[in-house]
């Protein structure tokens, strides 16, 4: 089931179930209110898709979770998931503009499968981890790559406003273990991989992250990017496709 967060006719954001070219409007946020419908349907073409979730407290990210990408970046990494945070103010939705800050060096896309947490999760064991997942969406873990290396840590480089596009939907019924992930810039293939190649699988990630932080409903975990050419510049468009979910598209422009 695909869940969208959307607005139409200037109304406040609502949630709907995607049914072909229509949205079946839900009575509330399905993470907290279930899947009760209002009886209303709205055409997708008359709707503006928003980020399908605004994390309650944080976006948790896993770095260097694909061997080839890890080799691109560094030969030194811990023998456990490398986790860090992006602020929820970095989140934007499909079609919204990535604002490139005036910093030196490359701005890099990282197309990733994202987990949406559905229950309070603290010190969850790996064998129970899937019980805490509401669904999955697509994320772009944008990074100011040269800032990462200059700062010696990743908070600024990955935390700028607009540096975490999410969408277009949350898929609640998905096997995440063998999904193709592809990233394009202006239609040119840039990254390609499969979730089967993750070094740390989703249950391990949730176990590790929930031992550090209490995960709240609506928090999002980004699971890492495959290898590939990651740069983009002013005026270009980044498209990330994950089978079973769809395509997340965002234009980019320089910040004034």
Protein backbone atom coordinates (compact mmCIF):
# COMPACT_ATOMS: atom_id res chain seq x y z
CA UNK A 1 0.00 0.00 0.00
CA UNK A 2 1.39 3.37 -1.03
CA UNK A 3 0.69 6.28 1.30
CA UNK A 4 1.03 9.87 0.13
CA UNK A 5 1.08 13.10 2.08
CA UNK A 6 -0.36 15.82 -0.13
CA UNK A 7 -2.08 19.14 -0.42
CA UNK A 8 -4.73 20.25 -2.87
CA UNK A 9 -6.71 23.44 -3.47
CA UNK A 10 -4.68 25.29 -0.86
CA UNK A 11 -5.79 23.00 1.98
CA UNK A 12 -3.62 21.81 4.85
CA UNK A 13 -1.61 18.62 4.26
CA UNK A 14 -3.59 15.38 4.25
CA UNK A 15 -2.81 11.71 3.75
CA UNK A 16 -4.15 9.37 1.10
CA UNK A 17 -3.81 5.85 -0.26
CA UNK A 18 -2.59 5.79 -3.85
CA UNK A 19 -5.15 4.05 -6.07
CA UNK A 20 -3.99 4.26 -9.68
CA UNK A 21 -4.32 7.96 -10.58
CA UNK A 22 -6.30 8.92 -7.48
CA UNK A 23 -5.72 9.38 -3.77
CA UNK A 24 -8.22 7.82 -1.37
CA UNK A 25 -8.24 10.41 1.39
CA UNK A 26 -7.54 9.20 4.92
CA UNK A 27 -9.17 10.61 8.04
CA UNK A 28 -5.80 11.32 9.67
CA UNK A 29 -2.14 10.39 9.79
CA UNK A 30 -2.22 6.60 9.27
CA UNK A 31 0.77 6.11 11.55
CA UNK A 32 -1.37 7.23 14.48
CA UNK A 33 -4.97 7.06 13.24
CA UNK A 34 -5.03 3.91 11.12
CA UNK A 35 -6.36 3.64 7.60
CA UNK A 36 -9.90 4.95 8.02
CA UNK A 37 -11.02 6.78 4.89
CA UNK A 38 -13.25 9.82 4.47
CA UNK A 39 -14.96 8.63 1.28
CA UNK A 40 -13.30 11.42 -0.70
CA UNK A 41 -11.04 10.85 -3.69
CA UNK A 42 -8.62 13.38 -5.14
CA UNK A 43 -6.94 13.12 -8.53
CA UNK A 44 -3.17 12.82 -8.30
CA UNK A 45 -2.80 15.40 -11.05
CA UNK A 46 -4.71 17.91 -8.90
CA UNK A 47 -2.51 17.27 -5.87
CA UNK A 48 0.90 18.42 -4.75
CA UNK A 49 2.89 15.60 -3.21
CA UNK A 50 4.74 16.55 -0.03
CA UNK A 51 7.43 14.80 1.94
CA UNK A 52 5.54 11.65 2.99
CA UNK A 53 6.73 12.05 6.58
CA UNK A 54 8.32 14.82 8.63
CA UNK A 55 10.50 13.01 11.17
CA UNK A 56 9.35 13.67 14.75
CA UNK A 57 12.89 14.12 16.03
CA UNK A 58 15.62 13.00 13.65
CA UNK A 59 16.86 11.43 10.47
CA UNK A 60 19.32 8.64 11.23
CA UNK A 61 21.80 7.86 8.46
CA UNK A 62 24.11 4.93 7.85
CA UNK A 63 27.35 5.80 6.10
CA UNK A 64 29.52 3.55 3.95
CA UNK A 65 27.00 0.70 3.93
CA UNK A 66 27.89 -0.60 0.45
CA UNK A 67 31.38 -2.02 -0.06
CA UNK A 68 32.07 -0.26 -3.35
CA UNK A 69 30.98 3.12 -2.00
CA UNK A 70 33.01 2.58 1.16
CA UNK A 71 36.08 1.94 -1.01
CA UNK A 72 35.43 5.22 -2.87
CA UNK A 73 35.52 7.23 0.35
CA UNK A 74 37.93 5.66 2.84
CA UNK A 75 39.80 2.53 3.81
CA UNK A 76 39.26 3.28 7.50
CA UNK A 77 35.82 2.66 8.96
CA UNK A 78 34.54 1.13 12.20
CA UNK A 79 33.57 -2.52 12.46
CA UNK A 80 29.96 -1.56 13.08
CA UNK A 81 27.38 0.61 11.30
CA UNK A 82 28.66 4.17 10.92
CA UNK A 83 25.67 6.27 12.00
CA UNK A 84 25.07 10.00 12.07
CA UNK A 85 22.14 12.41 12.14
CA UNK A 86 20.56 14.90 9.77
CA UNK A 87 18.13 17.46 11.26
CA UNK A 88 14.46 17.20 10.34
CA UNK A 89 14.78 20.75 8.94
CA UNK A 90 16.79 19.25 6.07
CA UNK A 91 13.71 17.37 4.80
CA UNK A 92 11.91 18.43 1.62
CA UNK A 93 9.42 16.62 -0.59
CA UNK A 94 9.28 15.50 -4.20
CA UNK A 95 9.61 18.30 -6.71
CA UNK A 96 10.96 20.75 -4.14
CA UNK A 97 14.21 22.51 -4.91
CA UNK A 98 17.55 21.46 -3.47
CA UNK A 99 19.27 24.70 -2.49
CA UNK A 100 23.02 24.53 -3.07
CA UNK A 101 24.85 26.58 -0.43
CA UNK A 102 27.77 28.83 -1.35
CA UNK A 103 30.54 26.46 -0.28
CA UNK A 104 33.61 25.25 -2.13
CA UNK A 105 33.67 21.83 -3.76
CA UNK A 106 31.22 19.18 -4.86
CA UNK A 107 27.59 18.77 -3.90
CA UNK A 108 26.81 15.07 -4.10
CA UNK A 109 23.60 13.03 -4.34
CA UNK A 110 23.22 9.73 -2.47
CA UNK A 111 20.10 7.79 -3.42
CA UNK A 112 19.03 5.51 -0.58
CA UNK A 113 16.26 3.28 0.70
CA UNK A 114 14.75 4.92 3.78
CA UNK A 115 13.00 3.19 6.67
CA UNK A 116 10.05 4.94 8.32
CA UNK A 117 9.74 3.95 11.98
CA UNK A 118 6.19 3.25 13.15
CA UNK A 119 6.58 2.57 16.89
CA UNK A 120 8.75 3.78 19.74
CA UNK A 121 11.90 1.69 19.45
CA UNK A 122 14.51 1.43 22.17
CA UNK A 123 17.13 -1.33 22.41
CA UNK A 124 15.30 -3.44 19.83
CA UNK A 125 16.73 -6.85 19.06
CA UNK A 126 17.44 -7.58 15.40
CA UNK A 127 15.00 -10.49 15.29
CA UNK A 128 12.18 -8.13 16.29
CA UNK A 129 13.26 -5.11 14.25
CA UNK A 130 10.78 -5.48 11.39
CA UNK A 131 7.89 -5.07 13.86
CA UNK A 132 8.89 -1.42 14.31
CA UNK A 133 8.77 -0.43 10.64
CA UNK A 134 5.80 1.48 9.25
CA UNK A 135 7.10 1.41 5.69
CA UNK A 136 9.77 2.51 3.26
CA UNK A 137 10.42 5.53 1.07
CA UNK A 138 13.22 7.01 -1.06
CA UNK A 139 15.79 9.45 0.30
CA UNK A 140 18.54 11.60 -1.14
CA UNK A 141 21.30 12.02 1.45
CA UNK A 142 22.81 15.13 -0.12
CA UNK A 143 26.33 15.97 0.97
CA UNK A 144 28.75 18.84 0.54
CA UNK A 145 31.57 16.36 -0.01
CA UNK A 146 34.56 18.69 0.28
CA UNK A 147 33.07 20.24 3.43
CA UNK A 148 32.95 16.73 4.93
CA UNK A 149 36.67 16.30 4.46
CA UNK A 150 37.54 19.86 5.51
CA UNK A 151 35.50 19.71 8.73
CA UNK A 152 36.60 16.20 9.68
CA UNK A 153 33.00 15.35 10.60
CA UNK A 154 29.73 15.31 8.71
CA UNK A 155 27.14 17.41 10.56
CA UNK A 156 27.47 20.61 8.52
CA UNK A 157 28.14 18.91 5.19
CA UNK A 158 24.99 16.80 5.37
CA UNK A 159 22.75 19.00 7.49
CA UNK A 160 21.97 22.00 5.30
CA UNK A 161 18.32 22.87 4.74
CA UNK A 162 16.93 20.91 1.74
CA UNK A 163 19.67 18.24 1.99
CA UNK A 164 17.23 15.39 2.69
CA UNK A 165 14.57 14.99 -0.01
CA UNK A 166 12.08 12.21 0.82
CA UNK A 167 9.28 10.64 -1.24
CA UNK A 168 7.27 10.28 -3.27
CA UNK A 169 5.34 7.75 -1.14
CA UNK A 170 5.66 5.44 1.83
CA UNK A 171 5.25 1.82 0.73
CA UNK A 172 3.93 -0.21 3.67
CA UNK A 173 4.14 -3.63 2.00
CA UNK A 174 7.62 -4.15 0.62
CA UNK A 175 10.38 -6.73 0.87
CA UNK A 176 13.46 -4.52 1.20
CA UNK A 177 16.08 -7.23 0.78
CA UNK A 178 16.55 -7.21 -3.01
CA UNK A 179 15.64 -3.85 -4.53
CA UNK A 180 17.36 -2.06 -7.39
CA UNK A 181 18.36 1.55 -6.63
CA UNK A 182 19.24 3.88 -9.51
CA UNK A 183 20.17 7.57 -9.51
CA UNK A 184 20.13 9.85 -12.55
CA UNK A 185 21.17 13.46 -13.11
CA UNK A 186 19.30 15.07 -16.01
CA UNK A 187 18.52 11.53 -17.21
CA UNK A 188 22.15 10.37 -17.14
CA UNK A 189 22.77 7.22 -15.03
CA UNK A 190 25.04 8.03 -12.08
CA UNK A 191 24.61 5.38 -9.37
CA UNK A 192 23.22 1.87 -9.41
CA UNK A 193 23.05 -0.82 -6.78
CA UNK A 194 20.88 -3.31 -4.96
CA UNK A 195 19.85 -3.45 -1.32
CA UNK A 196 21.04 -7.07 -1.27
CA UNK A 197 24.57 -5.62 -1.21
CA UNK A 198 24.17 -3.71 2.05
CA UNK A 199 26.99 -4.50 4.47
CA UNK A 200 24.61 -4.10 7.40
CA UNK A 201 21.05 -5.26 6.84
CA UNK A 202 17.96 -3.49 8.10
CA UNK A 203 17.46 -5.54 11.30
CA UNK A 204 21.10 -4.93 12.29
CA UNK A 205 20.75 -1.21 11.59
CA UNK A 206 17.64 -0.85 13.72
CA UNK A 207 19.19 -2.85 16.55
CA UNK A 208 22.35 -0.72 16.49
CA UNK A 209 20.63 2.68 16.11
CA UNK A 210 17.97 1.99 18.73
CA UNK A 211 20.68 1.14 21.25
CA UNK A 212 22.03 4.67 20.82
CA UNK A 213 18.84 6.72 20.37
CA UNK A 214 15.20 6.09 21.14
CA UNK A 215 13.53 6.01 17.73
CA UNK A 216 10.14 7.73 17.60
CA UNK A 217 7.22 7.09 15.23
CA UNK A 218 7.95 9.05 12.09
CA UNK A 219 11.71 9.01 12.51
CA UNK A 220 13.50 7.98 9.33
CA UNK A 221 16.60 5.84 8.83
CA UNK A 222 18.63 6.18 5.61
CA UNK A 223 20.38 2.91 4.84
CA UNK A 224 23.32 4.00 2.68
CA UNK A 225 24.07 4.62 -0.98
CA UNK A 226 25.58 2.43 -3.69
CA UNK A 227 28.73 3.59 -5.49
CA UNK A 228 28.79 5.89 -8.47
CA UNK A 229 29.36 9.41 -9.75
CA UNK A 230 27.64 11.70 -7.31
CA UNK A 231 27.99 15.34 -8.31
CA UNK A 232 25.31 17.76 -9.49
CA UNK A 233 25.15 21.50 -10.01
CA UNK A 234 22.82 24.46 -10.38
CA UNK A 235 19.96 23.82 -12.80
CA UNK A 236 20.23 20.03 -12.86
CA UNK A 237 17.61 17.51 -11.73
CA UNK A 238 18.28 14.45 -9.58
CA UNK A 239 16.00 11.41 -10.01
CA UNK A 240 16.21 8.38 -7.71
CA UNK A 241 14.23 5.25 -8.50
CA UNK A 242 13.71 2.27 -6.20
CA UNK A 243 11.65 -0.60 -7.50
CA UNK A 244 8.39 -1.04 -5.66
CA UNK A 245 8.29 2.56 -4.48
CA UNK A 246 8.69 4.89 -7.45
CA UNK A 247 10.87 7.86 -8.35
CA UNK A 248 11.91 10.83 -6.23
CA UNK A 249 12.76 13.87 -8.37
CA UNK A 250 14.19 17.21 -7.26
CA UNK A 251 15.65 20.14 -9.17
CA UNK A 252 18.67 21.99 -7.83
CA UNK A 253 19.68 25.63 -7.88
CA UNK A 254 22.25 27.82 -6.21
CA UNK A 255 21.16 29.59 -3.06
CA UNK A 256 21.23 33.36 -3.35
